[in-house]
Amino acid sequence: MSENDQDLTERVRQRAFDLWEEAGEPAERSEYFWHLAERQVHEQLKDYDKTLADTFPASDPPANSGITGPHEDAKREK
């Protein structure tokens, strides 16, 4: 199992546990909460992927940052 699969499984496990607790810890309902958690986590990931796609490509970098220094146009103006 890859690290991403393990992370996803852990997110689903934690969400299922939270849902189960919120419901009053009912007996014999673990499968229901697991499937509900899977749907919720996958929906969150889909929403996140859509957000990333909507923001790509990123805007141009700032003209002067602590990492890149002054933009070439700004250097010529001096």
N, C-alpha and C. Protein backbone atom coordinates (compact mmCIF):
# COMPACT_ATOMS: atom_id res chain seq x y z
N MET A 1 0.85 -1.17 0.00
CA MET A 1 0.00 0.00 0.00
C MET A 1 0.90 1.24 0.00
N SER A 2 0.63 2.18 -0.91
CA SER A 2 1.46 3.38 -0.99
C SER A 2 1.17 4.32 0.17
N GLU A 3 2.05 5.29 0.34
CA GLU A 3 1.88 6.25 1.43
C GLU A 3 0.60 7.06 1.24
N ASN A 4 0.28 7.41 0.00
CA ASN A 4 -0.96 8.15 -0.27
C ASN A 4 -2.18 7.33 0.10
N ASP A 5 -2.14 6.03 -0.21
CA ASP A 5 -3.25 5.14 0.15
C ASP A 5 -3.39 5.04 1.66
N GLN A 6 -2.25 4.97 2.35
CA GLN A 6 -2.28 4.90 3.82
C GLN A 6 -2.84 6.20 4.40
N ASP A 7 -2.44 7.34 3.84
CA ASP A 7 -2.96 8.62 4.31
C ASP A 7 -4.47 8.71 4.09
N LEU A 8 -4.91 8.29 2.92
CA LEU A 8 -6.33 8.32 2.62
C LEU A 8 -7.11 7.39 3.55
N THR A 9 -6.60 6.20 3.76
CA THR A 9 -7.25 5.26 4.67
C THR A 9 -7.33 5.83 6.08
N GLU A 10 -6.28 6.48 6.51
CA GLU A 10 -6.27 7.08 7.85
C GLU A 10 -7.27 8.22 7.95
N ARG A 11 -7.40 9.03 6.91
CA ARG A 11 -8.39 10.11 6.91
C ARG A 11 -9.80 9.54 6.99
N VAL A 12 -10.06 8.48 6.23
CA VAL A 12 -11.39 7.85 6.25
C VAL A 12 -11.64 7.25 7.63
N ARG A 13 -10.64 6.56 8.18
CA ARG A 13 -10.80 5.95 9.50
C ARG A 13 -11.12 7.00 10.56
N GLN A 14 -10.41 8.10 10.55
CA GLN A 14 -10.64 9.14 11.54
C GLN A 14 -12.01 9.78 11.35
N ARG A 15 -12.41 10.01 10.09
CA ARG A 15 -13.72 10.62 9.83
C ARG A 15 -14.83 9.65 10.25
N ALA A 16 -14.68 8.38 9.96
CA ALA A 16 -15.68 7.39 10.36
C ALA A 16 -15.82 7.35 11.88
N PHE A 17 -14.70 7.39 12.58
CA PHE A 17 -14.73 7.38 14.04
C PHE A 17 -15.44 8.63 14.57
N ASP A 18 -15.14 9.78 13.99
CA ASP A 18 -15.79 11.02 14.41
C ASP A 18 -17.30 10.96 14.19
N LEU A 19 -17.70 10.47 13.02
CA LEU A 19 -19.13 10.34 12.73
C LEU A 19 -19.81 9.38 13.71
N TRP A 20 -19.15 8.28 13.98
CA TRP A 20 -19.68 7.28 14.92
C TRP A 20 -19.86 7.90 16.31
N GLU A 21 -18.85 8.65 16.76
CA GLU A 21 -18.94 9.31 18.07
C GLU A 21 -20.08 10.33 18.10
N GLU A 22 -20.18 11.14 17.04
CA GLU A 22 -21.23 12.15 16.96
C GLU A 22 -22.62 11.52 17.00
N ALA A 23 -22.74 10.30 16.49
CA ALA A 23 -24.03 9.60 16.47
C ALA A 23 -24.33 8.88 17.78
N GLY A 24 -23.45 9.02 18.77
CA GLY A 24 -23.70 8.39 20.06
C GLY A 24 -23.11 7.01 20.20
N GLU A 25 -22.14 6.67 19.35
CA GLU A 25 -21.42 5.40 19.40
C GLU A 25 -22.34 4.17 19.32
N PRO A 26 -23.20 4.15 18.29
CA PRO A 26 -24.12 3.01 18.16
C PRO A 26 -23.39 1.71 17.81
N ALA A 27 -23.85 0.63 18.38
CA ALA A 27 -23.26 -0.69 18.11
C ALA A 27 -23.67 -1.16 16.72
N GLU A 28 -22.82 -1.97 16.11
CA GLU A 28 -23.11 -2.63 14.83
C GLU A 28 -23.37 -1.65 13.68
N ARG A 29 -22.75 -0.48 13.68
CA ARG A 29 -22.96 0.47 12.58
C ARG A 29 -21.65 0.91 11.94
N SER A 30 -20.56 0.20 12.24
CA SER A 30 -19.25 0.63 11.76
C SER A 30 -19.18 0.68 10.23
N GLU A 31 -19.78 -0.28 9.56
CA GLU A 31 -19.73 -0.30 8.10
C GLU A 31 -20.45 0.91 7.51
N TYR A 32 -21.59 1.28 8.08
CA TYR A 32 -22.33 2.45 7.62
C TYR A 32 -21.46 3.70 7.75
N PHE A 33 -20.82 3.89 8.89
CA PHE A 33 -20.01 5.08 9.10
C PHE A 33 -18.75 5.07 8.24
N TRP A 34 -18.20 3.90 7.98
CA TRP A 34 -17.03 3.81 7.11
C TRP A 34 -17.38 4.28 5.70
N HIS A 35 -18.51 3.79 5.16
CA HIS A 35 -18.92 4.17 3.80
C HIS A 35 -19.28 5.65 3.72
N LEU A 36 -19.94 6.15 4.74
CA LEU A 36 -20.27 7.57 4.79
C LEU A 36 -18.99 8.41 4.82
N ALA A 37 -18.04 8.01 5.62
CA ALA A 37 -16.76 8.72 5.71
C ALA A 37 -16.01 8.68 4.38
N GLU A 38 -16.01 7.53 3.71
CA GLU A 38 -15.36 7.42 2.40
C GLU A 38 -15.95 8.42 1.42
N ARG A 39 -17.27 8.49 1.37
CA ARG A 39 -17.93 9.43 0.46
C ARG A 39 -17.53 10.87 0.79
N GLN A 40 -17.54 11.21 2.07
CA GLN A 40 -17.22 12.57 2.48
C GLN A 40 -15.77 12.94 2.15
N VAL A 41 -14.85 12.05 2.45
CA VAL A 41 -13.43 12.31 2.18
C VAL A 41 -13.18 12.43 0.68
N HIS A 42 -13.77 11.55 -0.11
CA HIS A 42 -13.59 11.62 -1.56
C HIS A 42 -14.21 12.89 -2.13
N GLU A 43 -15.32 13.32 -1.58
CA GLU A 43 -15.95 14.57 -2.01
C GLU A 43 -15.05 15.76 -1.67
N GLN A 44 -14.44 15.74 -0.49
CA GLN A 44 -13.51 16.81 -0.11
C GLN A 44 -12.33 16.86 -1.08
N LEU A 45 -11.80 15.69 -1.42
CA LEU A 45 -10.66 15.64 -2.34
C LEU A 45 -11.06 16.15 -3.73
N LYS A 46 -12.25 15.80 -4.17
CA LYS A 46 -12.73 16.26 -5.47
C LYS A 46 -12.89 17.77 -5.47
N ASP A 47 -13.45 18.32 -4.39
CA ASP A 47 -13.59 19.78 -4.27
C ASP A 47 -12.23 20.46 -4.26
N TYR A 48 -11.28 19.86 -3.56
CA TYR A 48 -9.93 20.41 -3.48
C TYR A 48 -9.27 20.40 -4.86
N ASP A 49 -9.40 19.29 -5.58
CA ASP A 49 -8.83 19.19 -6.93
C ASP A 49 -9.45 20.23 -7.85
N LYS A 50 -10.75 20.46 -7.72
CA LYS A 50 -11.42 21.47 -8.55
C LYS A 50 -10.90 22.85 -8.21
N THR A 51 -10.71 23.13 -6.94
CA THR A 51 -10.18 24.43 -6.53
C THR A 51 -8.79 24.64 -7.12
N LEU A 52 -7.96 23.61 -7.06
CA LEU A 52 -6.62 23.73 -7.65
C LEU A 52 -6.70 23.97 -9.15
N ALA A 53 -7.56 23.25 -9.83
CA ALA A 53 -7.70 23.41 -11.27
C ALA A 53 -8.19 24.81 -11.62
N ASP A 54 -9.09 25.37 -10.81
CA ASP A 54 -9.62 26.70 -11.07
C ASP A 54 -8.58 27.79 -10.86
N THR A 55 -7.55 27.52 -10.08
CA THR A 55 -6.55 28.54 -9.79
C THR A 55 -5.29 28.36 -10.64
N PHE A 56 -5.24 27.38 -11.52
CA PHE A 56 -4.07 27.13 -12.34
C PHE A 56 -4.24 27.79 -13.69
N PRO A 57 -3.31 28.41 -14.29
CA PRO A 57 -1.96 28.60 -13.76
C PRO A 57 -1.93 29.73 -12.74
N ALA A 58 -0.98 29.65 -11.88
CA ALA A 58 -0.84 30.67 -10.85
C ALA A 58 -0.51 32.00 -11.51
N SER A 59 -0.79 33.07 -10.81
CA SER A 59 -0.48 34.39 -11.35
C SER A 59 1.03 34.58 -11.44
N ASP A 60 1.42 35.61 -12.14
CA ASP A 60 2.85 35.92 -12.25
C ASP A 60 3.44 36.18 -10.88
N PRO A 61 4.71 35.85 -10.71
CA PRO A 61 5.35 36.11 -9.43
C PRO A 61 5.47 37.62 -9.20
N PRO A 62 5.62 38.04 -7.96
CA PRO A 62 5.77 39.47 -7.69
C PRO A 62 7.03 40.01 -8.36
N ALA A 63 7.03 41.30 -8.65
CA ALA A 63 8.16 41.91 -9.33
C ALA A 63 9.43 41.82 -8.48
N ASN A 64 9.29 41.87 -7.19
CA ASN A 64 10.45 41.81 -6.32
C ASN A 64 10.07 41.01 -5.08
N SER A 65 10.72 39.90 -4.89
CA SER A 65 10.47 39.11 -3.69
C SER A 65 11.80 38.79 -3.05
N GLY A 66 11.77 38.37 -1.82
CA GLY A 66 12.99 38.02 -1.12
C GLY A 66 13.70 36.84 -1.75
N ILE A 67 13.00 36.10 -2.56
CA ILE A 67 13.58 34.91 -3.17
C ILE A 67 14.09 35.22 -4.57
N THR A 68 13.27 35.88 -5.38
CA THR A 68 13.64 36.08 -6.78
C THR A 68 14.40 37.37 -7.03
N GLY A 69 14.34 38.34 -6.15
CA GLY A 69 14.98 39.63 -6.37
C GLY A 69 14.16 40.47 -7.33
N PRO A 70 14.69 41.61 -7.74
CA PRO A 70 13.94 42.50 -8.62
C PRO A 70 13.66 41.85 -9.97
N HIS A 71 12.54 42.19 -10.54
CA HIS A 71 12.16 41.72 -11.87
C HIS A 71 13.10 42.37 -12.88
N GLU A 72 13.37 41.74 -14.01
CA GLU A 72 14.29 42.25 -15.02
C GLU A 72 13.89 43.65 -15.49
N ASP A 73 12.58 43.92 -15.66
CA ASP A 73 12.14 45.25 -16.11
C ASP A 73 12.50 46.31 -15.06
N ALA A 74 12.39 45.98 -13.80
CA ALA A 74 12.70 46.92 -12.74
C ALA A 74 14.19 47.22 -12.71
N LYS A 75 15.01 46.26 -13.05
CA LYS A 75 16.46 46.47 -13.08
C LYS A 75 16.84 47.46 -14.19
N ARG A 76 16.16 47.36 -15.34
CA ARG A 76 16.48 48.24 -16.47
C ARG A 76 16.05 49.67 -16.24
N GLU A 77 15.00 49.88 -15.43
CA GLU A 77 14.49 51.22 -15.18
C GLU A 77 15.44 52.04 -14.34
N LYS A 78 16.33 51.43 -13.61
CA LYS A 78 17.24 52.15 -12.71
C LYS A 78 18.33 52.85 -13.45
